[in-house]
Amino acid sequence: MENRTARLTLLIDPKKKALFEKLCAEDDVTPSQKVRQFIREYIEQRLGTDWKEQVFGDDEV
């Protein structure tokens, strides 16, 4: 499990937020889980699937 010590605050249109929350609920995931998934996928697109080794070294993998 990842260490969750940082907070990310963002501004979003209230209607989009409500729709995002509804869609997340339909998938039985929280909005936070979905955002973390989006971030992981973006990092993997940019750095590849071995990004944790690139960022953390052998300590955190």
PDB file of N, CA and C in Angstrom:
ATOM      1  N   MET A   1       0.843  -1.177   0.000  1.00  0.00           N
ATOM      2  CA  MET A   1       0.000   0.000   0.000  1.00  0.00           C
ATOM      3  C   MET A   1       0.885   1.236   0.000  1.00  0.00           C
ATOM      4  N   GLU A   2       0.477   2.249  -0.754  1.00  0.00           N
ATOM      5  CA  GLU A   2       1.235   3.481  -0.837  1.00  0.00           C
ATOM      6  C   GLU A   2       1.114   4.274   0.458  1.00  0.00           C
ATOM      7  N   ASN A   3       2.144   5.040   0.759  1.00  0.00           N
ATOM      8  CA  ASN A   3       2.123   5.923   1.912  1.00  0.00           C
ATOM      9  C   ASN A   3       1.339   7.188   1.545  1.00  0.00           C
ATOM     10  N   ARG A   4       0.230   7.423   2.215  1.00  0.00           N
ATOM     11  CA  ARG A   4      -0.627   8.555   1.855  1.00  0.00           C
ATOM     12  C   ARG A   4      -0.438   9.687   2.861  1.00  0.00           C
ATOM     13  N   THR A   5       0.552  10.532   2.597  1.00  0.00           N
ATOM     14  CA  THR A   5       0.818  11.629   3.508  1.00  0.00           C
ATOM     15  C   THR A   5       0.642  12.989   2.849  1.00  0.00           C
ATOM     16  N   ALA A   6       0.463  13.051   1.547  1.00  0.00           N
ATOM     17  CA  ALA A   6       0.322  14.317   0.843  1.00  0.00           C
ATOM     18  C   ALA A   6      -1.125  14.516   0.414  1.00  0.00           C
ATOM     19  N   ARG A   7      -1.517  15.772   0.411  1.00  0.00           N
ATOM     20  CA  ARG A   7      -2.879  16.117   0.008  1.00  0.00           C
ATOM     21  C   ARG A   7      -2.809  16.914  -1.286  1.00  0.00           C
ATOM     22  N   LEU A   8      -3.714  16.616  -2.206  1.00  0.00           N
ATOM     23  CA  LEU A   8      -3.825  17.335  -3.464  1.00  0.00           C
ATOM     24  C   LEU A   8      -5.188  18.020  -3.484  1.00  0.00           C
ATOM     25  N   THR A   9      -5.188  19.321  -3.600  1.00  0.00           N
ATOM     26  CA  THR A   9      -6.439  20.077  -3.638  1.00  0.00           C
ATOM     27  C   THR A   9      -6.627  20.606  -5.047  1.00  0.00           C
ATOM     28  N   LEU A  10      -7.817  20.433  -5.586  1.00  0.00           N
ATOM     29  CA  LEU A  10      -8.088  20.945  -6.920  1.00  0.00           C
ATOM     30  C   LEU A  10      -9.478  21.560  -6.978  1.00  0.00           C
ATOM     31  N   LEU A  11      -9.643  22.448  -7.916  1.00  0.00           N
ATOM     32  CA  LEU A  11     -10.935  23.086  -8.133  1.00  0.00           C
ATOM     33  C   LEU A  11     -11.585  22.459  -9.351  1.00  0.00           C
ATOM     34  N   ILE A  12     -12.873  22.177  -9.249  1.00  0.00           N
ATOM     35  CA  ILE A  12     -13.608  21.535 -10.328  1.00  0.00           C
ATOM     36  C   ILE A  12     -15.027  22.080 -10.348  1.00  0.00           C
ATOM     37  N   ASP A  13     -15.597  22.131 -11.503  1.00  0.00           N
ATOM     38  CA  ASP A  13     -16.975  22.577 -11.657  1.00  0.00           C
ATOM     39  C   ASP A  13     -17.886  21.690 -10.800  1.00  0.00           C
ATOM     40  N   PRO A  14     -18.793  22.273 -10.033  1.00  0.00           N
ATOM     41  CA  PRO A  14     -19.656  21.477  -9.146  1.00  0.00           C
ATOM     42  C   PRO A  14     -20.479  20.410  -9.874  1.00  0.00           C
ATOM     43  N   LYS A  15     -20.924  20.687 -11.071  1.00  0.00           N
ATOM     44  CA  LYS A  15     -21.703  19.684 -11.818  1.00  0.00           C
ATOM     45  C   LYS A  15     -20.831  18.510 -12.239  1.00  0.00           C
ATOM     46  N   LYS A  16     -19.592  18.809 -12.651  1.00  0.00           N
ATOM     47  CA  LYS A  16     -18.673  17.728 -13.017  1.00  0.00           C
ATOM     48  C   LYS A  16     -18.315  16.903 -11.785  1.00  0.00           C
ATOM     49  N   LYS A  17     -18.130  17.579 -10.644  1.00  0.00           N
ATOM     50  CA  LYS A  17     -17.821  16.867  -9.402  1.00  0.00           C
ATOM     51  C   LYS A  17     -18.945  15.912  -9.033  1.00  0.00           C
ATOM     52  N   ALA A  18     -20.176  16.396  -9.097  1.00  0.00           N
ATOM     53  CA  ALA A  18     -21.322  15.551  -8.752  1.00  0.00           C
ATOM     54  C   ALA A  18     -21.417  14.357  -9.694  1.00  0.00           C
ATOM     55  N   LEU A  19     -21.206  14.576 -10.978  1.00  0.00           N
ATOM     56  CA  LEU A  19     -21.259  13.481 -11.941  1.00  0.00           C
ATOM     57  C   LEU A  19     -20.127  12.489 -11.710  1.00  0.00           C
ATOM     58  N   PHE A  20     -18.923  13.003 -11.438  1.00  0.00           N
ATOM     59  CA  PHE A  20     -17.777  12.136 -11.147  1.00  0.00           C
ATOM     60  C   PHE A  20     -18.053  11.268  -9.924  1.00  0.00           C
ATOM     61  N   GLU A  21     -18.591  11.870  -8.869  1.00  0.00           N
ATOM     62  CA  GLU A  21     -18.921  11.111  -7.660  1.00  0.00           C
ATOM     63  C   GLU A  21     -19.971  10.044  -7.945  1.00  0.00           C
ATOM     64  N   LYS A  22     -20.957  10.380  -8.759  1.00  0.00           N
ATOM     65  CA  LYS A  22     -22.004   9.406  -9.119  1.00  0.00           C
ATOM     66  C   LYS A  22     -21.408   8.231  -9.891  1.00  0.00           C
ATOM     67  N   LEU A  23     -20.563   8.535 -10.866  1.00  0.00           N
ATOM     68  CA  LEU A  23     -19.949   7.470 -11.663  1.00  0.00           C
ATOM     69  C   LEU A  23     -19.012   6.606 -10.817  1.00  0.00           C
ATOM     70  N   CYS A  24     -18.283   7.229  -9.914  1.00  0.00           N
ATOM     71  CA  CYS A  24     -17.423   6.457  -9.014  1.00  0.00           C
ATOM     72  C   CYS A  24     -18.257   5.509  -8.153  1.00  0.00           C
ATOM     73  N   ALA A  25     -19.369   6.017  -7.634  1.00  0.00           N
ATOM     74  CA  ALA A  25     -20.246   5.180  -6.804  1.00  0.00           C
ATOM     75  C   ALA A  25     -20.762   3.984  -7.603  1.00  0.00           C
ATOM     76  N   GLU A  26     -21.090   4.212  -8.864  1.00  0.00           N
ATOM     77  CA  GLU A  26     -21.556   3.108  -9.718  1.00  0.00           C
ATOM     78  C   GLU A  26     -20.482   2.039  -9.882  1.00  0.00           C
ATOM     79  N   ASP A  27     -19.209   2.459  -9.865  1.00  0.00           N
ATOM     80  CA  ASP A  27     -18.088   1.519  -9.987  1.00  0.00           C
ATOM     81  C   ASP A  27     -17.609   1.012  -8.628  1.00  0.00           C
ATOM     82  N   ASP A  28     -18.286   1.433  -7.555  1.00  0.00           N
ATOM     83  CA  ASP A  28     -17.945   1.030  -6.185  1.00  0.00           C
ATOM     84  C   ASP A  28     -16.515   1.405  -5.812  1.00  0.00           C
ATOM     85  N   VAL A  29     -16.108   2.613  -6.212  1.00  0.00           N
ATOM     86  CA  VAL A  29     -14.817   3.171  -5.812  1.00  0.00           C
ATOM     87  C   VAL A  29     -15.056   4.592  -5.307  1.00  0.00           C
ATOM     88  N   THR A  30     -14.178   5.055  -4.450  1.00  0.00           N
ATOM     89  CA  THR A  30     -14.289   6.433  -3.996  1.00  0.00           C
ATOM     90  C   THR A  30     -13.643   7.348  -5.036  1.00  0.00           C
ATOM     91  N   PRO A  31     -14.035   8.612  -5.044  1.00  0.00           N
ATOM     92  CA  PRO A  31     -13.363   9.554  -5.943  1.00  0.00           C
ATOM     93  C   PRO A  31     -11.852   9.601  -5.702  1.00  0.00           C
ATOM     94  N   SER A  32     -11.426   9.514  -4.454  1.00  0.00           N
ATOM     95  CA  SER A  32      -9.990   9.516  -4.157  1.00  0.00           C
ATOM     96  C   SER A  32      -9.290   8.305  -4.777  1.00  0.00           C
ATOM     97  N   GLN A  33      -9.911   7.145  -4.692  1.00  0.00           N
ATOM     98  CA  GLN A  33      -9.322   5.950  -5.302  1.00  0.00           C
ATOM     99  C   GLN A  33      -9.174   6.136  -6.805  1.00  0.00           C
ATOM    100  N   LYS A  34     -10.191   6.711  -7.429  1.00  0.00           N
ATOM    101  CA  LYS A  34     -10.169   6.898  -8.882  1.00  0.00           C
ATOM    102  C   LYS A  34      -9.097   7.907  -9.283  1.00  0.00           C
ATOM    103  N   VAL A  35      -8.968   8.992  -8.533  1.00  0.00           N
ATOM    104  CA  VAL A  35      -7.942   9.991  -8.840  1.00  0.00           C
ATOM    105  C   VAL A  35      -6.555   9.375  -8.683  1.00  0.00           C
ATOM    106  N   ARG A  36      -6.331   8.590  -7.620  1.00  0.00           N
ATOM    107  CA  ARG A  36      -5.037   7.913  -7.456  1.00  0.00           C
ATOM    108  C   ARG A  36      -4.763   6.980  -8.637  1.00  0.00           C
ATOM    109  N   GLN A  37      -5.794   6.302  -9.129  1.00  0.00           N
ATOM    110  CA  GLN A  37      -5.637   5.430 -10.293  1.00  0.00           C
ATOM    111  C   GLN A  37      -5.243   6.255 -11.515  1.00  0.00           C
ATOM    112  N   PHE A  38      -5.929   7.380 -11.740  1.00  0.00           N
ATOM    113  CA  PHE A  38      -5.584   8.246 -12.867  1.00  0.00           C
ATOM    114  C   PHE A  38      -4.130   8.698 -12.788  1.00  0.00           C
ATOM    115  N   ILE A  39      -3.688   9.080 -11.600  1.00  0.00           N
ATOM    116  CA  ILE A  39      -2.317   9.553 -11.422  1.00  0.00           C
ATOM    117  C   ILE A  39      -1.316   8.437 -11.701  1.00  0.00           C
ATOM    118  N   ARG A  40      -1.577   7.221 -11.145  1.00  0.00           N
ATOM    119  CA  ARG A  40      -0.676   6.088 -11.414  1.00  0.00           C
ATOM    120  C   ARG A  40      -0.590   5.799 -12.905  1.00  0.00           C
ATOM    121  N   GLU A  41      -1.738   5.799 -13.600  1.00  0.00           N
ATOM    122  CA  GLU A  41      -1.756   5.511 -15.031  1.00  0.00           C
ATOM    123  C   GLU A  41      -0.998   6.573 -15.825  1.00  0.00           C
ATOM    124  N   TYR A  42      -1.139   7.834 -15.437  1.00  0.00           N
ATOM    125  CA  TYR A  42      -0.432   8.914 -16.112  1.00  0.00           C
ATOM    126  C   TYR A  42       1.078   8.770 -15.920  1.00  0.00           C
ATOM    127  N   ILE A  43       1.491   8.487 -14.690  1.00  0.00           N
ATOM    128  CA  ILE A  43       2.919   8.305 -14.420  1.00  0.00           C
ATOM    129  C   ILE A  43       3.460   7.141 -15.245  1.00  0.00           C
ATOM    130  N   GLU A  44       2.713   6.030 -15.309  1.00  0.00           N
ATOM    131  CA  GLU A  44       3.167   4.872 -16.087  1.00  0.00           C
ATOM    132  C   GLU A  44       3.229   5.187 -17.573  1.00  0.00           C
ATOM    133  N   GLN A  45       2.311   6.010 -18.074  1.00  0.00           N
ATOM    134  CA  GLN A  45       2.366   6.415 -19.484  1.00  0.00           C
ATOM    135  C   GLN A  45       3.650   7.194 -19.759  1.00  0.00           C
ATOM    136  N   ARG A  46       4.020   8.055 -18.817  1.00  0.00           N
ATOM    137  CA  ARG A  46       5.171   8.929 -19.013  1.00  0.00           C
ATOM    138  C   ARG A  46       6.495   8.246 -18.713  1.00  0.00           C
ATOM    139  N   LEU A  47       6.528   7.406 -17.660  1.00  0.00           N
ATOM    140  CA  LEU A  47       7.795   6.845 -17.190  1.00  0.00           C
ATOM    141  C   LEU A  47       7.911   5.345 -17.379  1.00  0.00           C
ATOM    142  N   GLY A  48       6.827   4.661 -17.712  1.00  0.00           N
ATOM    143  CA  GLY A  48       6.859   3.214 -17.844  1.00  0.00           C
ATOM    144  C   GLY A  48       6.441   2.533 -16.554  1.00  0.00           C
ATOM    145  N   THR A  49       6.262   1.237 -16.637  1.00  0.00           N
ATOM    146  CA  THR A  49       5.747   0.489 -15.494  1.00  0.00           C
ATOM    147  C   THR A  49       6.758   0.331 -14.368  1.00  0.00           C
ATOM    148  N   ASP A  50       8.021   0.594 -14.649  1.00  0.00           N
ATOM    149  CA  ASP A  50       9.044   0.481 -13.595  1.00  0.00           C
ATOM    150  C   ASP A  50       9.317   1.834 -12.939  1.00  0.00           C
ATOM    151  N   TRP A  51       8.362   2.727 -12.976  1.00  0.00           N
ATOM    152  CA  TRP A  51       8.547   4.091 -12.445  1.00  0.00           C
ATOM    153  C   TRP A  51       8.898   4.107 -10.971  1.00  0.00           C
ATOM    154  N   LYS A  52       8.393   3.150 -10.186  1.00  0.00           N
ATOM    155  CA  LYS A  52       8.695   3.155  -8.754  1.00  0.00           C
ATOM    156  C   LYS A  52      10.191   2.974  -8.513  1.00  0.00           C
ATOM    157  N   GLU A  53      10.823   2.110  -9.303  1.00  0.00           N
ATOM    158  CA  GLU A  53      12.265   1.915  -9.168  1.00  0.00           C
ATOM    159  C   GLU A  53      13.008   3.182  -9.543  1.00  0.00           C
ATOM    160  N   GLN A  54      12.518   3.892 -10.580  1.00  0.00           N
ATOM    161  CA  GLN A  54      13.158   5.135 -11.012  1.00  0.00           C
ATOM    162  C   GLN A  54      13.042   6.210  -9.932  1.00  0.00           C
ATOM    163  N   VAL A  55      11.914   6.269  -9.252  1.00  0.00           N
ATOM    164  CA  VAL A  55      11.658   7.326  -8.289  1.00  0.00           C
ATOM    165  C   VAL A  55      12.168   6.960  -6.905  1.00  0.00           C
ATOM    166  N   PHE A  56      11.884   5.734  -6.443  1.00  0.00           N
ATOM    167  CA  PHE A  56      12.183   5.346  -5.072  1.00  0.00           C
ATOM    168  C   PHE A  56      13.431   4.492  -4.921  1.00  0.00           C
ATOM    169  N   GLY A  57      13.903   3.910  -5.985  1.00  0.00           N
ATOM    170  CA  GLY A  57      15.012   2.965  -5.886  1.00  0.00           C
ATOM    171  C   GLY A  57      14.505   1.644  -5.347  1.00  0.00           C
ATOM    172  N   ASP A  58      15.395   0.811  -4.873  1.00  0.00           N
ATOM    173  CA  ASP A  58      15.015  -0.511  -4.371  1.00  0.00           C
ATOM    174  C   ASP A  58      14.355  -0.447  -3.006  1.00  0.00           C
ATOM    175  N   ASP A  59      14.468   0.665  -2.300  1.00  0.00           N
ATOM    176  CA  ASP A  59      13.935   0.779  -0.933  1.00  0.00           C
ATOM    177  C   ASP A  59      12.418   0.627  -0.874  1.00  0.00           C
ATOM    178  N   GLU A  60      11.694   1.233  -1.792  1.00  0.00           N
ATOM    179  CA  GLU A  60      10.249   1.317  -1.696  1.00  0.00           C
ATOM    180  C   GLU A  60       9.511   0.320  -2.570  1.00  0.00           C
ATOM    181  N   VAL A  61      10.191  -0.391  -3.429  1.00  0.00           N
ATOM    182  CA  VAL A  61       9.497  -1.277  -4.362  1.00  0.00           C
ATOM    183  C   VAL A  61       9.112  -2.564  -3.721  1.00  0.00           C
TER     184      VAL A  61
END
